[in-house]
Amino acid sequence: MLALGALVLSACGSATVDPDAGSPGEEAAAGAAGRSQVVGAGMVMQSTPGAAPELCMGPVLTSYPPQCGGPTLAGAFSWDDVEAETQGEVRWTNGYYYGVGHYDKASDTFTLTRPLSVTPPEGLEQPTDEPLDFPQLCDDPFRGGDPGFSDPDLAKQEMFQQRLQSLEGYIGSWVSDGRSLFNVVVTGDPEAAHASLREVWAGALCVEQREGPTEADLLAAQGALNDVYQDLGILSSGPDVMSGRLDVQVVLADEATLERVHELVAPWLTPEQVRVTGTFQPLPE
């Protein structure tokens, strides 16, 4: 099945570039991200006593001590202003903190203009996570199959997963019953895809035709971004099978970053098929 995301995001807030708005929406978001003061949130990490502390705005490995990285913190930062713990030479905060300051992309430095806080600045809009919905795409999932079908050793399911990759215009799939009711989306003929999958899977199955980028296109575009993720400040990226787009989170969604992202994915995706999210947000006025 198509993964919904390549990395787990740890950032507490982000500014989203609306993929449906086209270039004007992106320019507005980039302009907002470029204001002199921005807000960022994350866990503070110091790898050794002599190292500069960093604000972890990307994925955090849940080891002990945790492992993460992000922009170097400068300015009004003190360990006395936060709750932290230490393991060996590693020091990190208990939880996430909001910071206000100036971000320099060239040096990847976040210079605080006020101490970190566990509460967001007044007026900062907090993103809300939409509940994940994995709908069943048909009324008769056992059409052409067997309601009594079982696959105790998952051998048939493995064959099913392999067959998915051979489908014309395969976009992605998900399970809607938490176990084995597979829903498959393709750009090609849904009946041909259904018949092909029935050759290896007699269990619950729904197939739907949609327009949009295929899994191969989304993964190819993601791979192009992965090759330069450090240069662009990419924190995470991953295909979203429900919306048929590639979600990309960057440290700063400035105009140069947006242009470069679209340039890299252009062989496979249109601007409307990419959603770029900046972790830093403009400080509310």
C-alpha atoms as a PDB file:
ATOM      1  CA  MET A   1       0.000   0.000   0.000  1.00  0.00           C
ATOM      2  CA  LEU A   2       1.065   3.602  -0.458  1.00  0.00           C
ATOM      3  CA  ALA A   3       2.492   5.056   2.702  1.00  0.00           C
ATOM      4  CA  LEU A   4       0.787   8.218   3.936  1.00  0.00           C
ATOM      5  CA  GLY A   5       4.045   9.786   5.003  1.00  0.00           C
ATOM      6  CA  ALA A   6       7.737   9.088   4.918  1.00  0.00           C
ATOM      7  CA  LEU A   7       8.574  10.649   8.255  1.00  0.00           C
ATOM      8  CA  VAL A   8       6.736  11.451  11.476  1.00  0.00           C
ATOM      9  CA  LEU A   9       6.507  15.184  12.035  1.00  0.00           C
ATOM     10  CA  SER A  10       7.288  16.599  15.431  1.00  0.00           C
ATOM     11  CA  ALA A  11       6.711  20.286  14.782  1.00  0.00           C
ATOM     12  CA  CYS A  12       3.804  21.862  16.656  1.00  0.00           C
ATOM     13  CA  GLY A  13       2.751  24.360  14.013  1.00  0.00           C
ATOM     14  CA  SER A  14       3.130  25.172  10.355  1.00  0.00           C
ATOM     15  CA  ALA A  15       2.070  27.556   7.652  1.00  0.00           C
ATOM     16  CA  THR A  16       0.523  25.817   4.661  1.00  0.00           C
ATOM     17  CA  VAL A  17       0.781  26.782   1.012  1.00  0.00           C
ATOM     18  CA  ASP A  18      -2.576  25.981  -0.566  1.00  0.00           C
ATOM     19  CA  PRO A  19      -1.922  23.771  -3.624  1.00  0.00           C
ATOM     20  CA  ASP A  20      -5.305  24.682  -5.095  1.00  0.00           C
ATOM     21  CA  ALA A  21      -4.519  28.397  -5.045  1.00  0.00           C
ATOM     22  CA  GLY A  22      -1.657  28.213  -7.562  1.00  0.00           C
ATOM     23  CA  SER A  23       1.181  30.704  -7.754  1.00  0.00           C
ATOM     24  CA  PRO A  24      -0.571  33.706  -6.098  1.00  0.00           C
ATOM     25  CA  GLY A  25      -1.221  31.686  -2.920  1.00  0.00           C
ATOM     26  CA  GLU A  26       2.357  30.491  -2.830  1.00  0.00           C
ATOM     27  CA  GLU A  27       3.733  33.992  -3.245  1.00  0.00           C
ATOM     28  CA  ALA A  28       1.582  35.209  -0.359  1.00  0.00           C
ATOM     29  CA  ALA A  29       2.761  32.391   1.880  1.00  0.00           C
ATOM     30  CA  ALA A  30       6.372  32.976   0.920  1.00  0.00           C
ATOM     31  CA  GLY A  31       6.046  36.680   1.666  1.00  0.00           C
ATOM     32  CA  ALA A  32       4.542  35.944   5.071  1.00  0.00           C
ATOM     33  CA  ALA A  33       7.344  33.506   5.867  1.00  0.00           C
ATOM     34  CA  GLY A  34       9.943  36.160   5.029  1.00  0.00           C
ATOM     35  CA  ARG A  35       8.874  38.713   7.662  1.00  0.00           C
ATOM     36  CA  SER A  36      11.534  39.765  10.146  1.00  0.00           C
ATOM     37  CA  GLN A  37      10.142  37.824  13.112  1.00  0.00           C
ATOM     38  CA  VAL A  38       8.778  34.306  12.952  1.00  0.00           C
ATOM     39  CA  VAL A  39       7.481  31.694  15.373  1.00  0.00           C
ATOM     40  CA  GLY A  40       8.852  28.179  15.607  1.00  0.00           C
ATOM     41  CA  ALA A  41       8.126  25.292  17.954  1.00  0.00           C
ATOM     42  CA  GLY A  42       9.997  22.165  18.887  1.00  0.00           C
ATOM     43  CA  MET A  43      12.148  20.349  21.400  1.00  0.00           C
ATOM     44  CA  VAL A  44      15.539  21.845  22.305  1.00  0.00           C
ATOM     45  CA  MET A  45      18.472  19.443  22.015  1.00  0.00           C
ATOM     46  CA  GLN A  46      22.153  19.812  22.909  1.00  0.00           C
ATOM     47  CA  SER A  47      24.270  16.847  21.806  1.00  0.00           C
ATOM     48  CA  THR A  48      27.339  17.699  23.921  1.00  0.00           C
ATOM     49  CA  PRO A  49      28.065  20.373  26.564  1.00  0.00           C
ATOM     50  CA  GLY A  50      30.140  22.351  24.066  1.00  0.00           C
ATOM     51  CA  ALA A  51      27.664  22.125  21.177  1.00  0.00           C
ATOM     52  CA  ALA A  52      25.155  24.813  20.316  1.00  0.00           C
ATOM     53  CA  PRO A  53      21.564  23.966  21.275  1.00  0.00           C
ATOM     54  CA  GLU A  54      19.216  23.209  18.404  1.00  0.00           C
ATOM     55  CA  LEU A  55      15.450  23.568  18.033  1.00  0.00           C
ATOM     56  CA  CYS A  56      14.253  20.204  16.719  1.00  0.00           C
ATOM     57  CA  MET A  57      11.574  20.953  14.142  1.00  0.00           C
ATOM     58  CA  GLY A  58      11.797  17.688  12.218  1.00  0.00           C
ATOM     59  CA  PRO A  59      11.406  14.037  13.162  1.00  0.00           C
ATOM     60  CA  VAL A  60      12.530  12.901  16.621  1.00  0.00           C
ATOM     61  CA  LEU A  61      13.878   9.385  17.139  1.00  0.00           C
ATOM     62  CA  THR A  62      12.314   8.032  20.311  1.00  0.00           C
ATOM     63  CA  SER A  63      15.509   6.548  21.721  1.00  0.00           C
ATOM     64  CA  TYR A  64      16.961   7.414  25.109  1.00  0.00           C
ATOM     65  CA  PRO A  65      18.285   9.984  24.892  1.00  0.00           C
ATOM     66  CA  PRO A  66      16.172  11.089  21.901  1.00  0.00           C
ATOM     67  CA  GLN A  67      17.867  12.045  18.646  1.00  0.00           C
ATOM     68  CA  CYS A  68      16.902  15.003  16.492  1.00  0.00           C
ATOM     69  CA  GLY A  69      18.237  18.154  14.902  1.00  0.00           C
ATOM     70  CA  GLY A  70      17.211  21.559  13.692  1.00  0.00           C
ATOM     71  CA  PRO A  71      18.199  25.216  13.475  1.00  0.00           C
ATOM     72  CA  THR A  72      20.882  26.399  15.885  1.00  0.00           C
ATOM     73  CA  LEU A  73      19.470  28.513  18.703  1.00  0.00           C
ATOM     74  CA  ALA A  74      21.029  31.882  19.429  1.00  0.00           C
ATOM     75  CA  GLY A  75      19.976  35.051  21.230  1.00  0.00           C
ATOM     76  CA  ALA A  76      17.690  34.947  24.267  1.00  0.00           C
ATOM     77  CA  PHE A  77      18.091  31.275  25.124  1.00  0.00           C
ATOM     78  CA  SER A  78      18.931  29.861  28.535  1.00  0.00           C
ATOM     79  CA  TRP A  79      18.517  26.373  29.933  1.00  0.00           C
ATOM     80  CA  ASP A  80      17.248  28.101  33.083  1.00  0.00           C
ATOM     81  CA  ASP A  81      14.061  29.069  31.180  1.00  0.00           C
ATOM     82  CA  VAL A  82      13.065  25.493  30.323  1.00  0.00           C
ATOM     83  CA  GLU A  83      12.540  22.119  31.950  1.00  0.00           C
ATOM     84  CA  ALA A  84      15.161  19.671  30.741  1.00  0.00           C
ATOM     85  CA  GLU A  85      16.845  16.382  31.471  1.00  0.00           C
ATOM     86  CA  THR A  86      20.289  14.962  30.780  1.00  0.00           C
ATOM     87  CA  GLN A  87      21.583  11.539  29.794  1.00  0.00           C
ATOM     88  CA  GLY A  88      25.355  11.301  29.445  1.00  0.00           C
ATOM     89  CA  GLU A  89      26.396  14.396  27.522  1.00  0.00           C
ATOM     90  CA  VAL A  90      23.001  14.912  25.877  1.00  0.00           C
ATOM     91  CA  ARG A  91      20.573  17.519  27.190  1.00  0.00           C
ATOM     92  CA  TRP A  92      17.030  18.095  25.969  1.00  0.00           C
ATOM     93  CA  THR A  93      13.780  19.739  27.012  1.00  0.00           C
ATOM     94  CA  ASN A  94      10.797  17.914  28.453  1.00  0.00           C
ATOM     95  CA  GLY A  95       8.292  18.733  25.759  1.00  0.00           C
ATOM     96  CA  TYR A  96       8.016  21.408  23.102  1.00  0.00           C
ATOM     97  CA  TYR A  97       8.556  25.146  23.372  1.00  0.00           C
ATOM     98  CA  TYR A  98       7.583  28.128  21.249  1.00  0.00           C
ATOM     99  CA  GLY A  99      10.269  30.525  20.120  1.00  0.00           C
ATOM    100  CA  VAL A 100      10.015  33.987  18.581  1.00  0.00           C
ATOM    101  CA  GLY A 101      12.887  35.507  16.665  1.00  0.00           C
ATOM    102  CA  HIS A 102      14.716  35.860  13.356  1.00  0.00           C
ATOM    103  CA  TYR A 103      15.564  32.873  11.185  1.00  0.00           C
ATOM    104  CA  ASP A 104      18.627  33.039   8.939  1.00  0.00           C
ATOM    105  CA  LYS A 105      18.338  30.412   6.233  1.00  0.00           C
ATOM    106  CA  ALA A 106      21.955  30.668   5.098  1.00  0.00           C
ATOM    107  CA  SER A 107      23.366  29.751   8.515  1.00  0.00           C
ATOM    108  CA  ASP A 108      20.310  27.761   9.658  1.00  0.00           C
ATOM    109  CA  THR A 109      20.219  29.833  12.840  1.00  0.00           C
ATOM    110  CA  PHE A 110      17.143  30.876  14.829  1.00  0.00           C
ATOM    111  CA  THR A 111      17.996  33.957  16.912  1.00  0.00           C
ATOM    112  CA  LEU A 112      15.477  34.358  19.713  1.00  0.00           C
ATOM    113  CA  THR A 113      14.226  37.816  20.626  1.00  0.00           C
ATOM    114  CA  ARG A 114      12.453  36.590  23.766  1.00  0.00           C
ATOM    115  CA  PRO A 115      12.762  33.517  26.021  1.00  0.00           C
ATOM    116  CA  LEU A 116      11.153  30.247  24.958  1.00  0.00           C
ATOM    117  CA  SER A 117       7.640  29.599  26.223  1.00  0.00           C
ATOM    118  CA  VAL A 118       5.372  26.587  26.606  1.00  0.00           C
ATOM    119  CA  THR A 119       2.469  28.720  25.371  1.00  0.00           C
ATOM    120  CA  PRO A 120       2.180  30.123  21.844  1.00  0.00           C
ATOM    121  CA  PRO A 121       2.392  33.867  21.184  1.00  0.00           C
ATOM    122  CA  GLU A 122      -0.911  35.702  21.332  1.00  0.00           C
ATOM    123  CA  GLY A 123      -2.818  35.486  18.065  1.00  0.00           C
ATOM    124  CA  LEU A 124      -0.922  32.502  16.655  1.00  0.00           C
ATOM    125  CA  GLU A 125      -3.309  30.204  14.813  1.00  0.00           C
ATOM    126  CA  GLN A 126      -2.921  26.591  15.854  1.00  0.00           C
ATOM    127  CA  PRO A 127      -3.296  23.960  13.127  1.00  0.00           C
ATOM    128  CA  THR A 128      -5.890  21.291  13.709  1.00  0.00           C
ATOM    129  CA  ASP A 129      -5.326  17.732  12.607  1.00  0.00           C
ATOM    130  CA  GLU A 130      -8.110  16.431  10.410  1.00  0.00           C
ATOM    131  CA  PRO A 131      -9.232  12.954  11.442  1.00  0.00           C
ATOM    132  CA  LEU A 132      -7.991  10.259   9.102  1.00  0.00           C
ATOM    133  CA  ASP A 133     -10.763   8.689   7.070  1.00  0.00           C
ATOM    134  CA  PHE A 134     -10.305   5.400   5.241  1.00  0.00           C
ATOM    135  CA  PRO A 135     -13.642   4.955   3.446  1.00  0.00           C
ATOM    136  CA  GLN A 136     -15.001   1.777   1.918  1.00  0.00           C
ATOM    137  CA  LEU A 137     -15.298   2.483  -1.799  1.00  0.00           C
ATOM    138  CA  CYS A 138     -18.013  -0.012  -2.792  1.00  0.00           C
ATOM    139  CA  ASP A 139     -21.215  -1.561  -1.466  1.00  0.00           C
ATOM    140  CA  ASP A 140     -20.360  -5.165  -2.406  1.00  0.00           C
ATOM    141  CA  PRO A 141     -16.717  -5.856  -1.494  1.00  0.00           C
ATOM    142  CA  PHE A 142     -17.131  -9.606  -2.073  1.00  0.00           C
ATOM    143  CA  ARG A 143     -18.259  -9.243  -5.697  1.00  0.00           C
ATOM    144  CA  GLY A 144     -16.500 -12.031  -7.539  1.00  0.00           C
ATOM    145  CA  GLY A 145     -14.904 -13.195  -4.286  1.00  0.00           C
ATOM    146  CA  ASP A 146     -15.630 -15.417  -1.297  1.00  0.00           C
ATOM    147  CA  PRO A 147     -17.217 -14.094   1.953  1.00  0.00           C
ATOM    148  CA  GLY A 148     -15.695 -17.062   3.766  1.00  0.00           C
ATOM    149  CA  PHE A 149     -12.176 -16.372   2.512  1.00  0.00           C
ATOM    150  CA  SER A 150      -9.359 -16.536   5.067  1.00  0.00           C
ATOM    151  CA  ASP A 151      -5.639 -15.953   4.827  1.00  0.00           C
ATOM    152  CA  PRO A 152      -4.153 -17.163   8.138  1.00  0.00           C
ATOM    153  CA  ASP A 153      -0.496 -17.018   7.084  1.00  0.00           C
ATOM    154  CA  LEU A 154      -0.922 -13.779   5.042  1.00  0.00           C
ATOM    155  CA  ALA A 155       0.570 -15.483   1.988  1.00  0.00           C
ATOM    156  CA  LYS A 156      -2.317 -14.369  -0.221  1.00  0.00           C
ATOM    157  CA  GLN A 157      -2.053 -10.833   1.085  1.00  0.00           C
ATOM    158  CA  GLU A 158       1.612 -10.754   0.094  1.00  0.00           C
ATOM    159  CA  MET A 159       0.682 -11.869  -3.418  1.00  0.00           C
ATOM    160  CA  PHE A 160      -2.036  -9.239  -3.467  1.00  0.00           C
ATOM    161  CA  GLN A 161       0.457  -6.499  -2.557  1.00  0.00           C
ATOM    162  CA  GLN A 162       2.770  -7.631  -5.334  1.00  0.00           C
ATOM    163  CA  ARG A 163      -0.080  -7.624  -7.873  1.00  0.00           C
ATOM    164  CA  LEU A 164      -0.997  -4.058  -6.928  1.00  0.00           C
ATOM    165  CA  GLN A 165       2.303  -2.802  -8.303  1.00  0.00           C
ATOM    166  CA  SER A 166       1.515  -4.257 -11.736  1.00  0.00           C
ATOM    167  CA  LEU A 167      -1.840  -2.488 -12.107  1.00  0.00           C
ATOM    168  CA  GLU A 168      -2.144   0.120 -14.839  1.00  0.00           C
ATOM    169  CA  GLY A 169      -2.206   3.584 -13.262  1.00  0.00           C
ATOM    170  CA  TYR A 170      -1.967   2.344  -9.665  1.00  0.00           C
ATOM    171  CA  ILE A 171      -2.433   5.290  -7.261  1.00  0.00           C
ATOM    172  CA  GLY A 172      -2.682   3.623  -3.861  1.00  0.00           C
ATOM    173  CA  SER A 173      -4.724   1.515  -1.473  1.00  0.00           C
ATOM    174  CA  TRP A 174      -5.892   1.257   2.116  1.00  0.00           C
ATOM    175  CA  VAL A 175      -7.774  -1.057   4.474  1.00  0.00           C
ATOM    176  CA  SER A 176     -11.125   0.271   5.668  1.00  0.00           C
ATOM    177  CA  ASP A 177     -12.077  -2.381   8.228  1.00  0.00           C
ATOM    178  CA  GLY A 178      -8.780  -2.460  10.091  1.00  0.00           C
ATOM    179  CA  ARG A 179      -7.971  -5.957   8.780  1.00  0.00           C
ATOM    180  CA  SER A 180      -8.435  -7.022   5.196  1.00  0.00           C
ATOM    181  CA  LEU A 181     -11.053  -4.978   3.303  1.00  0.00           C
ATOM    182  CA  PHE A 182      -8.807  -3.514   0.635  1.00  0.00           C
ATOM    183  CA  ASN A 183      -9.743  -0.372  -1.271  1.00  0.00           C
ATOM    184  CA  VAL A 184      -7.708   0.272  -4.400  1.00  0.00           C
ATOM    185  CA  VAL A 185      -7.524   3.443  -6.523  1.00  0.00           C
ATOM    186  CA  VAL A 186      -6.279   3.446 -10.125  1.00  0.00           C
ATOM    187  CA  THR A 187      -6.280   5.821 -13.076  1.00  0.00           C
ATOM    188  CA  GLY A 188      -6.871   2.970 -15.513  1.00  0.00           C
ATOM    189  CA  ASP A 189      -9.829   0.653 -16.071  1.00  0.00           C
ATOM    190  CA  PRO A 190     -11.197  -0.264 -12.605  1.00  0.00           C
ATOM    191  CA  GLU A 191     -12.879  -3.440 -13.875  1.00  0.00           C
ATOM    192  CA  ALA A 192      -9.645  -4.704 -15.394  1.00  0.00           C
ATOM    193  CA  ALA A 193      -7.832  -3.937 -12.146  1.00  0.00           C
ATOM    194  CA  HIS A 194     -10.564  -5.693 -10.136  1.00  0.00           C
ATOM    195  CA  ALA A 195     -10.351  -8.796 -12.323  1.00  0.00           C
ATOM    196  CA  SER A 196      -6.570  -8.905 -12.051  1.00  0.00           C
ATOM    197  CA  LEU A 197      -6.654  -8.630  -8.258  1.00  0.00           C
ATOM    198  CA  ARG A 198      -9.342 -11.304  -7.996  1.00  0.00           C
ATOM    199  CA  GLU A 199      -6.863 -13.752  -9.479  1.00  0.00           C
ATOM    200  CA  VAL A 200      -4.865 -13.610  -6.243  1.00  0.00           C
ATOM    201  CA  TRP A 201      -7.348 -12.262  -3.669  1.00  0.00           C
ATOM    202  CA  ALA A 202     -10.807 -13.655  -2.916  1.00  0.00           C
ATOM    203  CA  GLY A 203     -11.367 -11.482   0.154  1.00  0.00           C
ATOM    204  CA  ALA A 204     -13.090  -8.110   0.477  1.00  0.00           C
ATOM    205  CA  LEU A 205     -12.079  -5.763  -2.334  1.00  0.00           C
ATOM    206  CA  CYS A 206     -13.176  -2.422  -3.783  1.00  0.00           C
ATOM    207  CA  VAL A 207     -11.580  -0.744  -6.811  1.00  0.00           C
ATOM    208  CA  GLU A 208     -12.231   2.844  -7.910  1.00  0.00           C
ATOM    209  CA  GLN A 209     -11.005   4.933 -10.824  1.00  0.00           C
ATOM    210  CA  ARG A 210      -9.725   8.466 -10.182  1.00  0.00           C
ATOM    211  CA  GLU A 211      -7.655  11.044 -12.016  1.00  0.00           C
ATOM    212  CA  GLY A 212      -4.361  12.023 -10.474  1.00  0.00           C
ATOM    213  CA  PRO A 213      -0.694  11.152 -10.159  1.00  0.00           C
ATOM    214  CA  THR A 214       0.201   7.485  -9.824  1.00  0.00           C
ATOM    215  CA  GLU A 215       2.151   6.026  -6.938  1.00  0.00           C
ATOM    216  CA  ALA A 216       5.181   5.778  -9.232  1.00  0.00           C
ATOM    217  CA  ASP A 217       4.950   9.495 -10.049  1.00  0.00           C
ATOM    218  CA  LEU A 218       4.575  10.504  -6.398  1.00  0.00           C
ATOM    219  CA  LEU A 219       7.484   8.353  -5.268  1.00  0.00           C
ATOM    220  CA  ALA A 220       9.692   9.572  -8.111  1.00  0.00           C
ATOM    221  CA  ALA A 221       8.971  13.187  -7.163  1.00  0.00           C
ATOM    222  CA  GLN A 222       9.652  12.414  -3.514  1.00  0.00           C
ATOM    223  CA  GLY A 223      12.945  10.785  -4.478  1.00  0.00           C
ATOM    224  CA  ALA A 224      14.022  13.899  -6.384  1.00  0.00           C
ATOM    225  CA  LEU A 225      13.401  15.988  -3.263  1.00  0.00           C
ATOM    226  CA  ASN A 226      15.158  13.499  -0.992  1.00  0.00           C
ATOM    227  CA  ASP A 227      18.355  14.000  -2.995  1.00  0.00           C
ATOM    228  CA  VAL A 228      18.505  17.677  -1.927  1.00  0.00           C
ATOM    229  CA  TYR A 229      16.534  17.661   1.334  1.00  0.00           C
ATOM    230  CA  GLN A 230      19.291  19.336   3.343  1.00  0.00           C
ATOM    231  CA  ASP A 231      19.761  22.170   0.841  1.00  0.00           C
ATOM    232  CA  LEU A 232      16.031  22.913   0.825  1.00  0.00           C
ATOM    233  CA  GLY A 233      15.485  22.423   4.559  1.00  0.00           C
ATOM    234  CA  ILE A 234      13.010  19.603   3.975  1.00  0.00           C
ATOM    235  CA  LEU A 235      11.855  18.068   7.248  1.00  0.00           C
ATOM    236  CA  SER A 236       9.572  15.415   5.773  1.00  0.00           C
ATOM    237  CA  SER A 237       7.730  14.413   2.630  1.00  0.00           C
ATOM    238  CA  GLY A 238       5.247  11.746   1.715  1.00  0.00           C
ATOM    239  CA  PRO A 239       2.497  10.849  -0.761  1.00  0.00           C
ATOM    240  CA  ASP A 240      -1.104  11.332   0.377  1.00  0.00           C
ATOM    241  CA  VAL A 241      -3.198   8.710  -1.397  1.00  0.00           C
ATOM    242  CA  MET A 242      -6.474  10.282  -0.261  1.00  0.00           C
ATOM    243  CA  SER A 243      -5.810  13.652  -1.876  1.00  0.00           C
ATOM    244  CA  GLY A 244      -3.501  12.428  -4.649  1.00  0.00           C
ATOM    245  CA  ARG A 245      -0.736  14.863  -3.800  1.00  0.00           C
ATOM    246  CA  LEU A 246       2.750  14.995  -2.338  1.00  0.00           C
ATOM    247  CA  ASP A 247       2.981  16.660   1.090  1.00  0.00           C
ATOM    248  CA  VAL A 248       6.289  18.403   1.766  1.00  0.00           C
ATOM    249  CA  GLN A 249       7.256  20.134   5.016  1.00  0.00           C
ATOM    250  CA  VAL A 250      10.151  22.571   4.994  1.00  0.00           C
ATOM    251  CA  VAL A 251      11.731  24.772   7.644  1.00  0.00           C
ATOM    252  CA  LEU A 252      10.935  27.974   5.763  1.00  0.00           C
ATOM    253  CA  ALA A 253       8.489  28.194   2.840  1.00  0.00           C
ATOM    254  CA  ASP A 254      10.153  31.169   1.182  1.00  0.00           C
ATOM    255  CA  GLU A 255       9.812  31.941  -2.504  1.00  0.00           C
ATOM    256  CA  ALA A 256      13.163  30.403  -3.468  1.00  0.00           C
ATOM    257  CA  THR A 257      12.331  27.122  -1.723  1.00  0.00           C
ATOM    258  CA  LEU A 258       8.885  26.937  -3.298  1.00  0.00           C
ATOM    259  CA  GLU A 259      10.269  27.547  -6.772  1.00  0.00           C
ATOM    260  CA  ARG A 260      12.954  24.908  -6.325  1.00  0.00           C
ATOM    261  CA  VAL A 261      10.493  22.300  -5.029  1.00  0.00           C
ATOM    262  CA  HIS A 262       8.213  22.776  -8.027  1.00  0.00           C
ATOM    263  CA  GLU A 263      11.156  22.728 -10.412  1.00  0.00           C
ATOM    264  CA  LEU A 264      12.361  19.389  -9.043  1.00  0.00           C
ATOM    265  CA  VAL A 265       8.969  17.645  -9.104  1.00  0.00           C
ATOM    266  CA  ALA A 266       7.813  19.118 -12.429  1.00  0.00           C
ATOM    267  CA  PRO A 267       8.614  15.957 -14.466  1.00  0.00           C
ATOM    268  CA  TRP A 268       5.937  14.100 -12.490  1.00  0.00           C
ATOM    269  CA  LEU A 269       3.625  16.524 -10.685  1.00  0.00           C
ATOM    270  CA  THR A 270       1.820  19.790 -11.322  1.00  0.00           C
ATOM    271  CA  PRO A 271       1.944  22.583  -8.710  1.00  0.00           C
ATOM    272  CA  GLU A 272      -1.583  21.656  -7.665  1.00  0.00           C
ATOM    273  CA  GLN A 273      -0.395  18.148  -6.791  1.00  0.00           C
ATOM    274  CA  VAL A 274       2.160  19.377  -4.234  1.00  0.00           C
ATOM    275  CA  ARG A 275       1.419  20.894  -0.829  1.00  0.00           C
ATOM    276  CA  VAL A 276       4.360  22.706   0.735  1.00  0.00           C
ATOM    277  CA  THR A 277       4.193  23.480   4.443  1.00  0.00           C
ATOM    278  CA  GLY A 278       6.557  25.837   6.282  1.00  0.00           C
ATOM    279  CA  THR A 279       7.280  25.131   9.946  1.00  0.00           C
ATOM    280  CA  PHE A 280       8.159  28.740  10.771  1.00  0.00           C
ATOM    281  CA  GLN A 281       5.126  31.025  10.871  1.00  0.00           C
ATOM    282  CA  PRO A 282       5.053  34.839  10.787  1.00  0.00           C
ATOM    283  CA  LEU A 283       4.695  36.446  14.209  1.00  0.00           C
ATOM    284  CA  PRO A 284       1.085  37.701  14.531  1.00  0.00           C
ATOM    285  CA  GLU A 285       0.893  41.493  14.551  1.00  0.00           C
END
